[in-house]
Amino acid sequence: MTAKITSATLLDAHKRIAQLSISAELAAIVDKRGTTIEFSNLISGGFTLNVINRIFVDPHLQDSASFDWLVCILAHEFCHVKQGYWVDSVEQELICYQLQARVCAEIGLDGGRQIYDRFLPLDPKKPSDLETALKYIIELAGGSVPTQTIYKSLPKFQPTGAADNFGAALKQLSAAGLAGIQSLQLLRSK
């Protein structure tokens, strides 16, 4: 099986990820699972929904000047596919941002390294490092209150067991609903 990729630009980025020593395994997993990868105007950066085996990517990354950024962001999302969780966590995000930093280093994207290298020394199993990672992640969300709302809802450690996953999923769905309301309010105020 191969990934279902809806654009030539995304296909080129997937091929690039498959060529990198740090991320070739991730591209193979995305192919094995037949993950759908597409651009969506609803997304800033990237977003993976493992529950429906789909990655959504910001269409602003389609232009050739943004190709290296697209590769790094898509590698981050491929890392989520490898992890396979249906709900997110700060621990999971930290692992993905660490991979993203390594991809930036391998392809020579210095701007990306300036942003993501700060995640590298953090330990995904250490609570204080997860607090620091969350701070960095919220900073990356910039002024996007809806995005910050979703990230603030994440559990620090990846939930295990049905009850923990169910609780985390409800919290994240509630945060997504609130983020949707916040987005509508922002649109109306313009």
Protein backbone atom coordinates (compact mmCIF):
# COMPACT_ATOMS: atom_id res chain seq x y z
CA MET A 1 0.00 0.00 0.00
CA THR A 2 1.17 3.56 -0.53
CA ALA A 3 0.14 6.89 0.92
CA LYS A 4 -2.74 8.65 -0.80
CA ILE A 5 -1.26 12.01 -1.69
CA THR A 6 -3.43 14.68 -3.29
CA SER A 7 -0.81 17.03 -4.72
CA ALA A 8 2.48 16.86 -6.61
CA THR A 9 4.09 19.16 -4.04
CA LEU A 10 3.11 16.85 -1.19
CA LEU A 11 4.33 13.85 -3.17
CA ASP A 12 7.71 15.56 -3.69
CA ALA A 13 7.92 16.33 0.05
CA HIS A 14 7.07 12.70 0.88
CA LYS A 15 9.84 11.52 -1.48
CA ARG A 16 12.31 13.91 0.17
CA ILE A 17 11.40 12.60 3.63
CA ALA A 18 11.90 9.04 2.36
CA GLN A 19 15.43 9.96 1.22
CA LEU A 20 16.55 11.34 4.58
CA SER A 21 18.32 9.00 7.00
CA ILE A 22 16.45 10.45 9.98
CA SER A 23 12.96 10.05 8.49
CA ALA A 24 12.99 7.30 5.85
CA GLU A 25 11.36 4.87 8.29
CA LEU A 26 8.51 7.34 8.86
CA ALA A 27 7.77 7.63 5.14
CA ALA A 28 7.65 3.83 4.92
CA ILE A 29 5.15 3.67 7.80
CA VAL A 30 2.94 6.33 6.18
CA ASP A 31 3.02 4.29 2.96
CA LYS A 32 2.31 1.01 4.75
CA ARG A 33 -0.73 2.52 6.47
CA GLY A 34 -1.98 4.15 3.26
CA THR A 35 -2.30 7.51 5.01
CA THR A 36 -4.08 10.25 3.06
CA ILE A 37 -2.12 13.52 2.88
CA GLU A 38 -3.79 16.68 1.65
CA PHE A 39 -3.74 20.46 1.86
CA SER A 40 -6.52 22.10 3.88
CA ASN A 41 -7.39 25.76 4.35
CA LEU A 42 -8.53 24.90 7.88
CA ILE A 43 -4.98 24.12 9.02
CA SER A 44 -2.01 26.23 10.00
CA GLY A 45 1.16 24.11 9.78
CA GLY A 46 0.08 20.48 9.91
CA PHE A 47 -2.44 18.29 11.68
CA THR A 48 -2.73 14.50 11.90
CA LEU A 49 -5.90 12.59 12.69
CA ASN A 50 -4.82 8.99 13.18
CA VAL A 51 -8.40 7.98 13.88
CA ILE A 52 -9.16 8.56 10.17
CA ASN A 53 -5.58 7.97 8.93
CA ARG A 54 -5.25 11.46 7.45
CA ILE A 55 -2.74 14.32 7.50
CA PHE A 56 -3.82 17.88 6.72
CA VAL A 57 -1.23 20.50 5.73
CA ASP A 58 -1.36 24.28 5.44
CA PRO A 59 -1.76 25.22 1.74
CA HIS A 60 0.56 28.21 2.25
CA LEU A 61 3.39 25.68 2.17
CA GLN A 62 2.71 24.79 -1.48
CA ASP A 63 5.02 27.38 -3.03
CA SER A 64 8.54 26.32 -3.95
CA ALA A 65 10.12 28.83 -1.55
CA SER A 66 8.47 26.97 1.35
CA PHE A 67 9.42 23.44 0.27
CA ASP A 68 12.00 22.82 3.02
CA TRP A 69 9.49 24.04 5.62
CA LEU A 70 6.90 21.69 4.13
CA VAL A 71 9.33 18.76 4.42
CA CYS A 72 10.03 19.54 8.09
CA ILE A 73 6.37 20.01 9.01
CA LEU A 74 5.32 16.90 7.11
CA ALA A 75 8.06 14.87 8.85
CA HIS A 76 6.59 16.05 12.18
CA GLU A 77 3.17 14.78 11.07
CA PHE A 78 4.68 11.49 9.84
CA CYS A 79 6.05 11.05 13.38
CA HIS A 80 2.46 11.31 14.70
CA VAL A 81 1.42 8.59 12.24
CA LYS A 82 4.22 6.35 13.50
CA GLN A 83 3.12 6.87 17.10
CA GLY A 84 -0.43 6.00 16.05
CA TYR A 85 -2.27 7.58 18.97
CA TRP A 86 -5.82 8.85 18.56
CA VAL A 87 -5.37 11.56 21.18
CA ASP A 88 -2.47 13.97 21.49
CA SER A 89 -0.18 14.79 24.42
CA VAL A 90 2.69 17.14 25.19
CA GLU A 91 4.95 14.07 25.34
CA GLN A 92 3.94 13.09 21.80
CA GLU A 93 4.38 16.65 20.51
CA LEU A 94 7.84 16.90 22.07
CA ILE A 95 8.96 13.72 20.31
CA CYS A 96 7.64 15.08 17.00
CA TYR A 97 9.30 18.48 17.45
CA GLN A 98 12.59 16.77 18.28
CA LEU A 99 12.32 14.80 15.03
CA GLN A 100 11.44 18.01 13.20
CA ALA A 101 14.60 19.66 14.57
CA ARG A 102 16.70 16.74 13.33
CA VAL A 103 15.13 16.93 9.87
CA CYS A 104 15.86 20.68 9.76
CA ALA A 105 19.49 19.89 10.61
CA GLU A 106 19.75 17.15 7.98
CA ILE A 107 18.38 19.30 5.16
CA GLY A 108 20.18 22.46 6.30
CA LEU A 109 17.12 24.56 7.15
CA ASP A 110 18.82 26.94 9.56
CA GLY A 111 15.65 28.96 10.19
CA GLY A 112 13.95 25.77 11.33
CA ARG A 113 16.86 24.83 13.55
CA GLN A 114 16.63 28.22 15.27
CA ILE A 115 13.00 27.45 16.09
CA TYR A 116 13.09 23.72 16.86
CA ASP A 117 16.56 22.99 18.30
CA ARG A 118 15.40 24.15 21.74
CA PHE A 119 13.29 20.97 21.94
CA LEU A 120 16.31 18.66 21.53
CA PRO A 121 17.70 18.65 25.10
CA LEU A 122 14.27 18.02 26.66
CA ASP A 123 13.35 14.57 28.01
CA PRO A 124 9.84 13.39 27.00
CA LYS A 125 9.61 11.38 30.25
CA LYS A 126 10.48 14.26 32.60
CA PRO A 127 7.51 16.36 33.86
CA SER A 128 9.47 19.61 34.13
CA ASP A 129 10.73 19.19 30.55
CA LEU A 130 7.15 18.62 29.38
CA GLU A 131 6.18 21.92 31.05
CA THR A 132 9.02 23.62 29.16
CA ALA A 133 7.98 21.91 25.92
CA LEU A 134 4.39 23.10 26.35
CA LYS A 135 5.65 26.65 26.85
CA TYR A 136 7.64 26.40 23.59
CA ILE A 137 4.69 24.85 21.73
CA ILE A 138 2.36 27.64 22.85
CA GLU A 139 4.96 30.19 21.74
CA LEU A 140 5.00 28.51 18.32
CA ALA A 141 1.21 28.95 18.16
CA GLY A 142 1.91 32.69 18.23
CA GLY A 143 -1.15 34.83 18.61
CA SER A 144 -3.55 32.06 17.62
CA VAL A 145 -5.78 31.80 20.68
CA PRO A 146 -7.69 28.83 19.19
CA THR A 147 -4.46 26.87 18.64
CA GLN A 148 -3.21 27.75 22.12
CA THR A 149 -6.52 26.56 23.58
CA ILE A 150 -6.09 23.14 22.00
CA TYR A 151 -2.46 22.77 23.10
CA LYS A 152 -3.27 23.84 26.66
CA SER A 153 -5.83 21.01 26.83
CA LEU A 154 -3.24 18.30 26.17
CA PRO A 155 -2.25 15.89 28.92
CA LYS A 156 1.46 16.01 29.70
CA PHE A 157 2.04 12.28 29.25
CA GLN A 158 0.48 10.10 26.58
CA PRO A 159 -2.70 8.56 28.01
CA THR A 160 -2.75 4.79 28.37
CA GLY A 161 -5.77 2.60 28.86
CA ALA A 162 -9.33 3.13 27.67
CA ALA A 163 -10.45 5.42 30.51
CA ASP A 164 -7.45 7.76 30.22
CA ASN A 165 -7.77 7.93 26.43
CA PHE A 166 -11.52 8.57 26.64
CA GLY A 167 -11.04 11.36 29.17
CA ALA A 168 -8.26 12.96 27.14
CA ALA A 169 -10.32 12.68 23.96
CA LEU A 170 -13.30 14.42 25.61
CA LYS A 171 -11.05 17.20 26.90
CA GLN A 172 -9.47 17.69 23.47
CA LEU A 173 -12.86 17.66 21.72
CA SER A 174 -14.13 20.28 24.18
CA ALA A 175 -11.03 22.38 23.53
CA ALA A 176 -11.51 22.00 19.77
CA GLY A 177 -15.12 23.15 20.14
CA LEU A 178 -14.02 26.17 22.16
CA ALA A 179 -11.28 26.88 19.61
CA GLY A 180 -13.92 26.79 16.87
CA ILE A 181 -16.02 29.34 18.74
CA GLN A 182 -12.94 31.51 19.28
CA SER A 183 -12.15 31.32 15.55
CA LEU A 184 -15.69 32.38 14.64
CA GLN A 185 -15.47 35.29 17.08
CA LEU A 186 -12.18 36.37 15.50
CA LEU A 187 -13.70 36.21 12.01
CA ARG A 188 -16.73 38.23 13.09
CA SER A 189 -14.56 40.91 14.69
CA LYS A 190 -12.74 41.57 11.40
